Amino acid sequence: MHSVLCLRMAACSLVALCLCGTQPTPPPEPRVICEGASVTIRSNSQRFGFFSDKLYSDYSSTLDTFTSLFGTKPAYILWFQQIDDPFPLTVVSSNAGRAIGTVISLNLMSLRCDSLRNDTLLREIAQGAWDSTLAVFARQAKLAAVPVYLRFGYEMNGYWFPWGEKPAEFLSAWRHAHGVFTQEKADNVEWVFAPGVLWGTMRAQDGIMAYYPGDSVVDIVGLDGYNFGDDAAAGHEWQSFWDIFGQSLVAARSLGKPVWITEIGCAADERKPEWLGQVLSFMDCNPCIEAMLWFDMCKNGEPDFRFEVDSASLTALRSWLLR
């Protein structure tokens, strides 16, 4: 296995060198962060997943459409819901029938609560006020009898969610909720710690490690990050994949857990195919990154991250997935 990994890393370096002679502005050489990692070599399609809001309507047919779009079925589907929404048993079971894993992103808020209460929900979770809700969810997950990946309070290091930027409260809430699932013997649930990537002057110690609940209650470490493109009004500018993810990936690897890219997207732009090439080259060079989940959506007020609107990027992705 070690020799296979070394060959892949060497091939990545060779590709980067060859590109220098054929492109006037080559993408940065892919960085290798998997040295010494014990990895299982997977096909690219076995490491790919996505989310689309279209999946909330006519799920099976929509999934068939995306399978045709990508040229292969995904290994994972990313799903979003509130803390008091029912466990998505139909979706999980449907995915399991296709050998697809379901990654549930659990918002630590309720649409039934006003903003003031949602701001205090972390404390309520830690104090046991949501135990009955969590226990029902855990029992349903256990009944699914397949692996379920739970992103509990993802992007907790950001300011945009009511559970964000509250490290002490987040740690207490996570550990308490994990205890509820343990009591319910929902051992098929894998807990995914998924902060947003570091940005600006943020450093790993405060931006990631301060929120890490501990090795005994975390199964997978994920990262969410986006290239929002050039939008000065929103404080964004075009960035390379490594500039967005690099420091955070190094920090994630240091925790010694399986590492996933749990959300990724790039604004529609003539530079997107090259940017995607950086991502795919990085994945090729780092088989210890077990999954990459693309956010295939165009939200109000955000760039268009969809592959459907960029034939060059879609062609590159399809080619990569078939390898």
Protein backbone atom coordinates (compact mmCIF):
# COMPACT_ATOMS: atom_id res chain seq x y z
CA MET A 1 0.00 0.00 0.00
CA HIS A 2 2.83 2.38 0.83
CA SER A 3 4.42 1.82 -2.57
CA VAL A 4 1.12 2.55 -4.34
CA LEU A 5 0.77 5.81 -2.42
CA CYS A 6 4.34 6.82 -3.26
CA LEU A 7 3.74 6.15 -6.96
CA ARG A 8 0.62 8.31 -6.94
CA MET A 9 2.45 11.14 -5.21
CA ALA A 10 5.35 10.90 -7.66
CA ALA A 11 2.91 10.97 -10.57
CA CYS A 12 1.35 14.14 -9.18
CA SER A 13 4.70 15.88 -9.08
CA LEU A 14 5.50 14.72 -12.63
CA VAL A 15 2.16 16.00 -13.95
CA ALA A 16 2.79 19.37 -12.33
CA LEU A 17 6.23 19.60 -13.95
CA CYS A 18 4.89 18.65 -17.35
CA LEU A 19 2.14 21.26 -17.12
CA CYS A 20 4.78 23.95 -16.70
CA GLY A 21 5.90 23.46 -20.27
CA THR A 22 2.43 23.56 -21.83
CA GLN A 23 0.56 26.26 -19.91
CA PRO A 24 1.63 29.87 -19.54
CA THR A 25 0.06 30.08 -16.07
CA PRO A 26 -0.02 26.55 -14.61
CA PRO A 27 -2.02 25.79 -11.48
CA PRO A 28 0.03 25.40 -8.32
CA GLU A 29 1.62 22.03 -7.81
CA PRO A 30 -0.69 19.85 -5.69
CA ARG A 31 0.43 19.65 -2.07
CA VAL A 32 0.85 16.25 -0.42
CA ILE A 33 -0.41 15.98 3.16
CA CYS A 34 -0.89 12.21 3.38
CA GLU A 35 2.68 11.19 4.19
CA GLY A 36 2.64 8.28 6.61
CA ALA A 37 -1.13 7.83 6.40
CA SER A 38 -2.61 4.36 6.27
CA VAL A 39 -5.07 4.53 3.39
CA THR A 40 -7.45 2.34 1.45
CA ILE A 41 -7.21 3.17 -2.23
CA ARG A 42 -10.69 3.94 -3.56
CA SER A 43 -11.91 4.76 -7.02
CA ASN A 44 -12.72 8.43 -7.53
CA SER A 45 -16.46 7.77 -7.69
CA GLN A 46 -16.20 6.10 -4.27
CA ARG A 47 -14.92 9.40 -2.84
CA PHE A 48 -17.49 11.72 -4.42
CA GLY A 49 -20.78 13.05 -3.12
CA PHE A 50 -22.96 16.09 -3.59
CA PHE A 51 -25.92 18.13 -2.40
CA SER A 52 -28.65 19.77 -4.45
CA ASP A 53 -31.84 21.36 -3.18
CA LYS A 54 -33.58 19.64 -6.10
CA LEU A 55 -33.32 16.40 -4.10
CA TYR A 56 -36.04 17.65 -1.77
CA SER A 57 -38.55 17.05 -4.57
CA ASP A 58 -39.13 13.67 -6.27
CA TYR A 59 -36.00 12.29 -4.65
CA SER A 60 -35.47 9.07 -6.60
CA SER A 61 -36.04 10.59 -10.03
CA THR A 62 -33.85 13.59 -9.22
CA LEU A 63 -31.05 11.34 -8.04
CA ASP A 64 -31.30 9.41 -11.31
CA THR A 65 -30.95 12.71 -13.20
CA PHE A 66 -27.80 13.65 -11.30
CA THR A 67 -26.35 10.15 -11.74
CA SER A 68 -26.76 10.64 -15.48
CA LEU A 69 -25.27 14.14 -15.25
CA PHE A 70 -22.14 12.97 -13.43
CA GLY A 71 -21.82 9.75 -15.45
CA THR A 72 -21.82 7.58 -12.31
CA LYS A 73 -23.69 7.32 -9.06
CA PRO A 74 -22.25 9.25 -6.11
CA ALA A 75 -20.91 7.51 -3.04
CA TYR A 76 -22.56 10.02 -0.70
CA ILE A 77 -25.55 12.35 -0.58
CA LEU A 78 -25.39 15.44 1.62
CA TRP A 79 -28.65 16.21 3.42
CA PHE A 80 -29.68 19.23 5.53
CA GLN A 81 -32.32 19.50 8.24
CA GLN A 82 -33.22 21.14 11.55
CA ILE A 83 -32.70 19.49 14.94
CA ASP A 84 -36.41 18.68 15.35
CA ASP A 85 -37.07 17.48 11.80
CA PRO A 86 -37.84 13.74 11.58
CA PHE A 87 -34.99 11.39 10.82
CA PRO A 88 -34.93 11.07 6.98
CA LEU A 89 -35.47 7.32 7.00
CA THR A 90 -36.89 7.17 3.47
CA VAL A 91 -33.88 9.00 2.04
CA VAL A 92 -31.38 6.93 4.04
CA SER A 93 -33.06 3.67 3.03
CA SER A 94 -33.31 4.69 -0.62
CA ASN A 95 -29.63 5.61 -0.65
CA ALA A 96 -28.65 2.39 1.09
CA GLY A 97 -30.44 0.44 -1.64
CA ARG A 98 -28.11 2.10 -4.14
CA ALA A 99 -25.00 1.64 -1.96
CA ILE A 100 -24.91 5.40 -1.27
CA GLY A 101 -24.09 6.81 2.16
CA THR A 102 -26.18 9.62 3.67
CA VAL A 103 -24.42 12.54 5.35
CA ILE A 104 -26.95 14.39 7.53
CA SER A 105 -26.09 18.00 8.32
CA LEU A 106 -27.99 18.79 11.50
CA ASN A 107 -28.76 22.47 12.09
CA LEU A 108 -28.76 23.17 15.83
CA MET A 109 -31.85 25.32 15.55
CA SER A 110 -35.57 24.92 15.03
CA LEU A 111 -37.88 26.73 12.64
CA ARG A 112 -40.46 26.50 15.42
CA CYS A 113 -38.32 28.65 17.71
CA ASP A 114 -37.71 32.37 17.50
CA SER A 115 -34.21 33.80 17.08
CA LEU A 116 -33.77 34.44 20.80
CA ARG A 117 -34.37 30.82 21.70
CA ASN A 118 -32.27 29.51 18.82
CA ASP A 119 -29.42 31.60 20.19
CA THR A 120 -29.62 29.61 23.44
CA LEU A 121 -30.25 26.18 21.90
CA LEU A 122 -26.70 24.95 22.52
CA ARG A 123 -27.16 25.46 26.25
CA GLU A 124 -30.52 23.71 26.14
CA ILE A 125 -28.98 20.70 24.38
CA ALA A 126 -26.19 20.47 26.94
CA GLN A 127 -28.72 20.71 29.79
CA GLY A 128 -30.86 17.86 28.40
CA ALA A 129 -33.85 19.84 27.16
CA TRP A 130 -33.62 18.19 23.74
CA ASP A 131 -32.87 14.65 24.93
CA SER A 132 -36.23 13.21 23.87
CA THR A 133 -35.88 14.69 20.37
CA LEU A 134 -32.33 13.42 20.01
CA ALA A 135 -33.27 9.99 21.38
CA VAL A 136 -36.03 9.56 18.78
CA PHE A 137 -33.58 10.58 16.04
CA ALA A 138 -30.99 8.13 17.38
CA ARG A 139 -33.48 5.25 17.52
CA GLN A 140 -34.58 5.91 13.93
CA ALA A 141 -30.95 6.03 12.82
CA LYS A 142 -30.32 2.72 14.55
CA LEU A 143 -33.34 1.17 12.80
CA ALA A 144 -31.88 2.20 9.44
CA ALA A 145 -29.18 -0.43 10.13
CA VAL A 146 -26.69 1.20 7.76
CA PRO A 147 -23.89 3.71 8.40
CA VAL A 148 -25.28 7.21 8.93
CA TYR A 149 -22.88 10.17 8.92
CA LEU A 150 -23.99 12.98 11.26
CA ARG A 151 -22.59 16.51 10.84
CA PHE A 152 -23.78 17.84 14.17
CA GLY A 153 -23.68 21.64 14.17
CA TYR A 154 -21.36 21.98 11.17
CA GLU A 155 -19.42 25.25 10.58
CA MET A 156 -19.62 25.97 14.29
CA ASN A 157 -16.59 28.27 13.96
CA GLY A 158 -18.50 30.72 11.74
CA TYR A 159 -20.62 33.71 12.65
CA TRP A 160 -23.49 32.94 10.24
CA PHE A 161 -25.33 30.31 12.33
CA PRO A 162 -26.95 30.80 15.76
CA TRP A 163 -24.77 27.98 17.15
CA GLY A 164 -21.59 29.57 15.76
CA GLU A 165 -18.64 31.11 17.62
CA LYS A 166 -19.61 29.56 20.98
CA PRO A 167 -16.85 27.00 21.54
CA ALA A 168 -17.53 26.12 25.19
CA GLU A 169 -21.27 25.73 24.62
CA PHE A 170 -20.72 23.77 21.43
CA LEU A 171 -18.39 21.30 23.15
CA SER A 172 -20.90 20.71 25.94
CA ALA A 173 -23.77 20.26 23.50
CA TRP A 174 -21.85 17.84 21.26
CA ARG A 175 -20.67 15.67 24.14
CA HIS A 176 -24.11 15.54 25.71
CA ALA A 177 -25.81 14.69 22.40
CA HIS A 178 -23.23 12.00 21.69
CA GLY A 179 -24.05 10.52 25.09
CA VAL A 180 -27.75 10.31 24.15
CA PHE A 181 -26.88 8.37 20.98
CA THR A 182 -24.60 6.09 23.02
CA GLN A 183 -27.44 5.36 25.45
CA GLU A 184 -29.67 4.48 22.51
CA LYS A 185 -26.93 2.20 21.15
CA ALA A 186 -26.99 3.98 17.77
CA ASP A 187 -23.53 2.62 17.00
CA ASN A 188 -24.04 2.90 13.24
CA VAL A 189 -23.94 6.72 13.49
CA GLU A 190 -20.56 8.22 12.60
CA TRP A 191 -19.99 11.67 14.11
CA VAL A 192 -18.50 14.14 11.65
CA PHE A 193 -16.80 17.23 13.08
CA ALA A 194 -17.00 19.73 10.21
CA PRO A 195 -15.79 23.30 10.84
CA GLY A 196 -15.51 25.85 8.10
CA VAL A 197 -12.05 26.42 6.67
CA LEU A 198 -9.89 29.05 8.32
CA TRP A 199 -10.05 32.51 6.79
CA GLY A 200 -8.47 35.92 7.28
CA THR A 201 -6.24 35.99 10.35
CA MET A 202 -7.92 32.97 11.95
CA ARG A 203 -5.53 30.30 13.19
CA ALA A 204 -6.10 26.60 13.70
CA GLN A 205 -5.83 26.69 17.48
CA ASP A 206 -8.72 29.11 17.89
CA GLY A 207 -10.63 28.45 14.67
CA ILE A 208 -10.67 24.63 14.70
CA MET A 209 -9.05 23.06 17.75
CA ALA A 210 -11.05 25.14 20.23
CA TYR A 211 -14.23 23.47 18.90
CA TYR A 212 -12.90 19.89 18.66
CA PRO A 213 -14.97 17.73 21.06
CA GLY A 214 -12.32 15.02 21.51
CA ASP A 215 -11.10 11.81 19.92
CA SER A 216 -13.54 9.58 21.81
CA VAL A 217 -16.61 11.35 20.39
CA VAL A 218 -15.46 12.17 16.84
CA ASP A 219 -15.19 9.63 14.02
CA ILE A 220 -14.44 11.84 11.00
CA VAL A 221 -13.04 15.34 10.55
CA GLY A 222 -14.52 17.32 7.69
CA LEU A 223 -13.98 20.80 6.26
CA ASP A 224 -16.33 23.17 4.45
CA GLY A 225 -14.86 25.74 2.07
CA TYR A 226 -15.78 27.73 -1.03
CA ASN A 227 -14.26 29.86 -3.73
CA PHE A 228 -16.87 32.65 -3.84
CA GLY A 229 -15.05 34.38 -6.68
CA ASP A 230 -14.56 38.12 -7.06
CA ASP A 231 -17.22 39.89 -5.03
CA ALA A 232 -15.68 42.92 -3.38
CA ALA A 233 -19.04 44.00 -1.95
CA ALA A 234 -19.17 40.75 0.06
CA GLY A 235 -15.47 40.84 0.89
CA HIS A 236 -14.55 37.95 -1.40
CA GLU A 237 -11.85 37.52 -4.02
CA TRP A 238 -10.81 34.63 -6.24
CA GLN A 239 -8.54 32.20 -4.38
CA SER A 240 -6.72 29.01 -5.26
CA PHE A 241 -7.88 25.74 -3.76
CA TRP A 242 -4.78 25.57 -1.56
CA ASP A 243 -5.21 29.13 -0.32
CA ILE A 244 -8.73 28.23 0.81
CA PHE A 245 -8.16 24.76 2.22
CA GLY A 246 -4.43 24.28 2.79
CA GLN A 247 -3.90 25.42 6.37
CA SER A 248 -7.17 23.82 7.48
CA LEU A 249 -6.37 20.48 5.83
CA VAL A 250 -3.02 20.32 7.59
CA ALA A 251 -4.79 20.99 10.91
CA ALA A 252 -7.45 18.38 10.18
CA ARG A 253 -4.84 15.74 9.34
CA SER A 254 -3.06 16.42 12.65
CA LEU A 255 -6.11 15.15 14.56
CA GLY A 256 -5.45 11.61 13.34
CA LYS A 257 -9.00 10.94 12.12
CA PRO A 258 -10.28 10.19 8.60
CA VAL A 259 -10.50 13.51 6.73
CA TRP A 260 -13.27 14.55 4.35
CA ILE A 261 -14.02 17.71 2.40
CA THR A 262 -17.63 17.92 3.53
CA GLU A 263 -18.66 20.95 1.47
CA ILE A 264 -16.90 22.51 -1.49
CA GLY A 265 -17.94 24.77 -4.34
CA CYS A 266 -16.59 27.27 -6.82
CA ALA A 267 -18.31 30.26 -8.40
CA ALA A 268 -19.18 30.05 -12.09
CA ASP A 269 -16.25 31.69 -13.87
CA GLU A 270 -14.00 31.05 -16.88
CA ARG A 271 -11.31 30.09 -14.35
CA LYS A 272 -13.45 27.42 -12.70
CA PRO A 273 -12.20 24.47 -14.81
CA GLU A 274 -8.61 25.28 -13.82
CA TRP A 275 -9.64 25.66 -10.17
CA LEU A 276 -11.43 22.33 -10.29
CA GLY A 277 -8.28 20.84 -11.79
CA GLN A 278 -6.40 21.93 -8.66
CA VAL A 279 -8.99 20.16 -6.50
CA LEU A 280 -8.94 16.93 -8.47
CA SER A 281 -5.14 16.87 -8.64
CA PHE A 282 -5.03 17.35 -4.88
CA MET A 283 -7.46 14.46 -4.39
CA ASP A 284 -5.34 12.27 -6.68
CA CYS A 285 -2.22 13.06 -4.66
CA ASN A 286 -3.90 12.59 -1.29
CA PRO A 287 -5.86 9.33 -1.08
CA CYS A 288 -6.17 9.83 2.68
CA ILE A 289 -8.86 12.42 1.92
CA GLU A 290 -11.68 9.91 1.87
CA ALA A 291 -14.52 12.01 0.45
CA MET A 292 -15.29 15.27 -1.36
CA LEU A 293 -18.89 16.53 -1.29
CA TRP A 294 -19.80 19.19 -3.85
CA PHE A 295 -22.45 21.83 -3.07
CA ASP A 296 -24.27 21.82 -6.41
CA MET A 297 -26.62 24.73 -5.86
CA CYS A 298 -27.26 28.39 -6.59
CA LYS A 299 -28.58 30.06 -3.42
CA ASN A 300 -30.02 33.55 -3.31
CA GLY A 301 -27.22 36.01 -2.68
CA GLU A 302 -24.46 33.48 -3.39
CA PRO A 303 -22.57 32.44 -6.54
CA ASP A 304 -23.75 29.65 -8.79
CA PHE A 305 -21.82 26.54 -7.76
CA ARG A 306 -23.64 24.14 -10.09
CA PHE A 307 -21.87 21.90 -12.57
CA GLU A 308 -24.90 22.10 -14.87
CA VAL A 309 -23.93 25.64 -15.92
CA ASP A 310 -20.29 24.88 -16.75
CA SER A 311 -19.77 22.21 -19.40
CA ALA A 312 -15.95 22.36 -19.23
CA SER A 313 -15.89 21.73 -15.47
CA LEU A 314 -18.55 19.03 -15.78
CA THR A 315 -16.53 17.25 -18.47
CA ALA A 316 -13.43 17.33 -16.26
CA LEU A 317 -15.35 15.98 -13.28
CA ARG A 318 -16.96 13.19 -15.31
CA SER A 319 -13.57 12.13 -16.63
CA TRP A 320 -12.11 12.10 -13.11
CA LEU A 321 -15.04 10.13 -11.67
CA LEU A 322 -14.59 7.37 -14.24
CA ARG A 323 -10.97 6.79 -13.21
